[in-house]
C-alpha atoms as a PDB file:
ATOM      1  CA  MET A   1       0.000   0.000   0.000  1.00  0.00           C
ATOM      2  CA  SER A   2       1.505   3.280  -1.063  1.00  0.00           C
ATOM      3  CA  GLU A   3       1.384   6.464   0.963  1.00  0.00           C
ATOM      4  CA  LEU A   4      -1.308   7.858  -1.338  1.00  0.00           C
ATOM      5  CA  ASP A   5      -3.493   4.787  -0.769  1.00  0.00           C
ATOM      6  CA  ALA A   6      -3.001   5.081   2.988  1.00  0.00           C
ATOM      7  CA  THR A   7      -3.919   8.761   2.876  1.00  0.00           C
ATOM      8  CA  ARG A   8      -7.064   8.015   0.853  1.00  0.00           C
ATOM      9  CA  ALA A   9      -8.085   5.310   3.326  1.00  0.00           C
ATOM     10  CA  LYS A  10      -7.610   7.674   6.267  1.00  0.00           C
ATOM     11  CA  LEU A  11      -9.588  10.454   4.577  1.00  0.00           C
ATOM     12  CA  ALA A  12     -12.398   8.054   3.676  1.00  0.00           C
ATOM     13  CA  THR A  13     -12.518   6.851   7.281  1.00  0.00           C
ATOM     14  CA  PHE A  14     -12.688  10.408   8.615  1.00  0.00           C
ATOM     15  CA  VAL A  15     -15.469  11.348   6.173  1.00  0.00           C
ATOM     16  CA  LEU A  16     -17.395   8.223   7.180  1.00  0.00           C
ATOM     17  CA  VAL A  17     -17.044   9.111  10.871  1.00  0.00           C
ATOM     18  CA  ILE A  18     -18.329  12.635  10.176  1.00  0.00           C
ATOM     19  CA  LEU A  19     -21.293  11.253   8.212  1.00  0.00           C
ATOM     20  CA  LEU A  20     -22.228   8.899  11.018  1.00  0.00           C
ATOM     21  CA  ALA A  21     -21.638  11.400  13.815  1.00  0.00           C
ATOM     22  CA  VAL A  22     -23.838  14.214  12.492  1.00  0.00           C
ATOM     23  CA  ASP A  23     -27.544  13.337  12.432  1.00  0.00           C
ATOM     24  CA  ALA A  24     -28.342  15.824   9.673  1.00  0.00           C
ATOM     25  CA  VAL A  25     -26.053  14.058   7.163  1.00  0.00           C
ATOM     26  CA  ASN A  26     -26.233  10.481   8.459  1.00  0.00           C
ATOM     27  CA  PRO A  27     -27.542   8.479   5.482  1.00  0.00           C
ATOM     28  CA  VAL A  28     -29.064   5.750   7.647  1.00  0.00           C
ATOM     29  CA  LYS A  29     -31.005   8.203   9.810  1.00  0.00           C
ATOM     30  CA  ILE A  30     -32.158  10.145   6.752  1.00  0.00           C
ATOM     31  CA  PHE A  31     -33.349   6.895   5.136  1.00  0.00           C
ATOM     32  CA  LEU A  32     -35.206   5.870   8.305  1.00  0.00           C
ATOM     33  CA  HIS A  33     -36.746   9.349   8.630  1.00  0.00           C
ATOM     34  CA  VAL A  34     -37.995   9.324   5.022  1.00  0.00           C
ATOM     35  CA  PHE A  35     -39.469   5.816   5.088  1.00  0.00           C
ATOM     36  CA  GLY A  36     -40.716   6.082   8.672  1.00  0.00           C
ATOM     37  CA  PRO A  37     -42.445   3.081  10.195  1.00  0.00           C
ATOM     38  CA  MET A  38     -42.157   0.917   7.062  1.00  0.00           C
ATOM     39  CA  VAL A  39     -38.439   0.274   7.660  1.00  0.00           C
ATOM     40  CA  GLN A  40     -37.060  -0.413  11.116  1.00  0.00           C
ATOM     41  CA  PRO A  41     -33.354  -0.117  12.062  1.00  0.00           C
ATOM     42  CA  TRP A  42     -33.074  -3.886  12.483  1.00  0.00           C
ATOM     43  CA  HIS A  43     -34.096  -4.325   8.830  1.00  0.00           C
ATOM     44  CA  LEU A  44     -31.003  -2.406   7.761  1.00  0.00           C
ATOM     45  CA  ALA A  45     -28.830  -4.263  10.276  1.00  0.00           C
ATOM     46  CA  VAL A  46     -29.959  -7.665   8.976  1.00  0.00           C
ATOM     47  CA  LEU A  47     -29.484  -6.567   5.358  1.00  0.00           C
ATOM     48  CA  SER A  48     -25.964  -5.305   6.125  1.00  0.00           C
ATOM     49  CA  THR A  49     -25.068  -8.518   7.963  1.00  0.00           C
ATOM     50  CA  VAL A  50     -26.272 -10.656   5.055  1.00  0.00           C
ATOM     51  CA  LEU A  51     -24.284  -8.531   2.591  1.00  0.00           C
ATOM     52  CA  ILE A  52     -21.127  -8.797   4.736  1.00  0.00           C
ATOM     53  CA  ILE A  53     -21.476 -12.594   4.900  1.00  0.00           C
ATOM     54  CA  TYR A  54     -22.101 -12.737   1.137  1.00  0.00           C
ATOM     55  CA  THR A  55     -18.989 -10.626   0.476  1.00  0.00           C
ATOM     56  CA  PHE A  56     -16.860 -12.906   2.662  1.00  0.00           C
ATOM     57  CA  ILE A  57     -18.173 -15.990   0.870  1.00  0.00           C
ATOM     58  CA  VAL A  58     -17.625 -14.536  -2.615  1.00  0.00           C
ATOM     59  CA  GLU A  59     -14.130 -13.232  -1.796  1.00  0.00           C
ATOM     60  CA  MET A  60     -13.113 -16.207   0.362  1.00  0.00           C
ATOM     61  CA  LYS A  61     -10.299 -17.351  -1.954  1.00  0.00           C
ATOM     62  CA  ALA A  62      -8.658 -13.907  -2.057  1.00  0.00           C
ATOM     63  CA  LEU A  63      -9.111 -13.407   1.696  1.00  0.00           C
ATOM     64  CA  LEU A  64      -7.586 -16.794   2.515  1.00  0.00           C
ATOM     65  CA  TYR A  65      -4.678 -16.133   0.158  1.00  0.00           C
ATOM     66  CA  PHE A  66      -3.995 -12.741   1.747  1.00  0.00           C
ATOM     67  CA  ALA A  67      -4.293 -14.094   5.311  1.00  0.00           C
ATOM     68  CA  THR A  68      -1.992 -17.039   4.527  1.00  0.00           C
ATOM     69  CA  LYS A  69       0.522 -14.748   2.836  1.00  0.00           C
ATOM     70  CA  VAL A  70       0.627 -12.403   5.830  1.00  0.00           C
ATOM     71  CA  PHE A  71       0.919 -15.344   8.229  1.00  0.00           C
ATOM     72  CA  PHE A  72       3.852 -16.921   6.410  1.00  0.00           C
ATOM     73  CA  HIS A  73       5.607 -13.571   5.951  1.00  0.00           C
ATOM     74  CA  SER A  74       5.372 -12.960   9.692  1.00  0.00           C
ATOM     75  CA  ILE A  75       6.639 -16.472  10.515  1.00  0.00           C
ATOM     76  CA  ILE A  76       9.530 -16.153   8.063  1.00  0.00           C
ATOM     77  CA  SER A  77      10.460 -12.731   9.429  1.00  0.00           C
ATOM     78  CA  ILE A  78      10.717 -14.204  12.934  1.00  0.00           C
ATOM     79  CA  PHE A  79      13.311 -16.785  11.900  1.00  0.00           C
ATOM     80  CA  PHE A  80      15.140 -15.058   9.054  1.00  0.00           C
ATOM     81  CA  ARG A  81      16.368 -11.497   9.069  1.00  0.00           C
ATOM     82  CA  GLU A  82      16.952 -11.437   5.322  1.00  0.00           C
ATOM     83  CA  VAL A  83      15.771 -13.826   2.656  1.00  0.00           C
ATOM     84  CA  GLY A  84      17.708 -13.990  -0.608  1.00  0.00           C
ATOM     85  CA  TRP A  85      20.724 -15.491  -2.329  1.00  0.00           C
ATOM     86  CA  ASN A  86      23.124 -12.920  -0.896  1.00  0.00           C
ATOM     87  CA  SER A  87      22.214 -13.807   2.709  1.00  0.00           C
ATOM     88  CA  VAL A  88      23.764 -17.296   2.349  1.00  0.00           C
ATOM     89  CA  TYR A  89      27.327 -15.997   2.116  1.00  0.00           C
END
């Protein structure tokens, strides 16, 4: 992840926190205010949970690859300071 990607992620997180902190611009509260008693907060919570589970299932191969890669990199870094042909000599 480059510095620009990290900066974008931080800015997106801060904007999301602002959106959720201020009731006037909170998209969930605006949605619930507009649709009133037809949609309850738990409806949105269940929908979000189902979508999160679906995303994990669809992206399972990539997530397992990334998790395994990070695990083995951390294990290798514990035992070897440098990995490469030059470190043998």
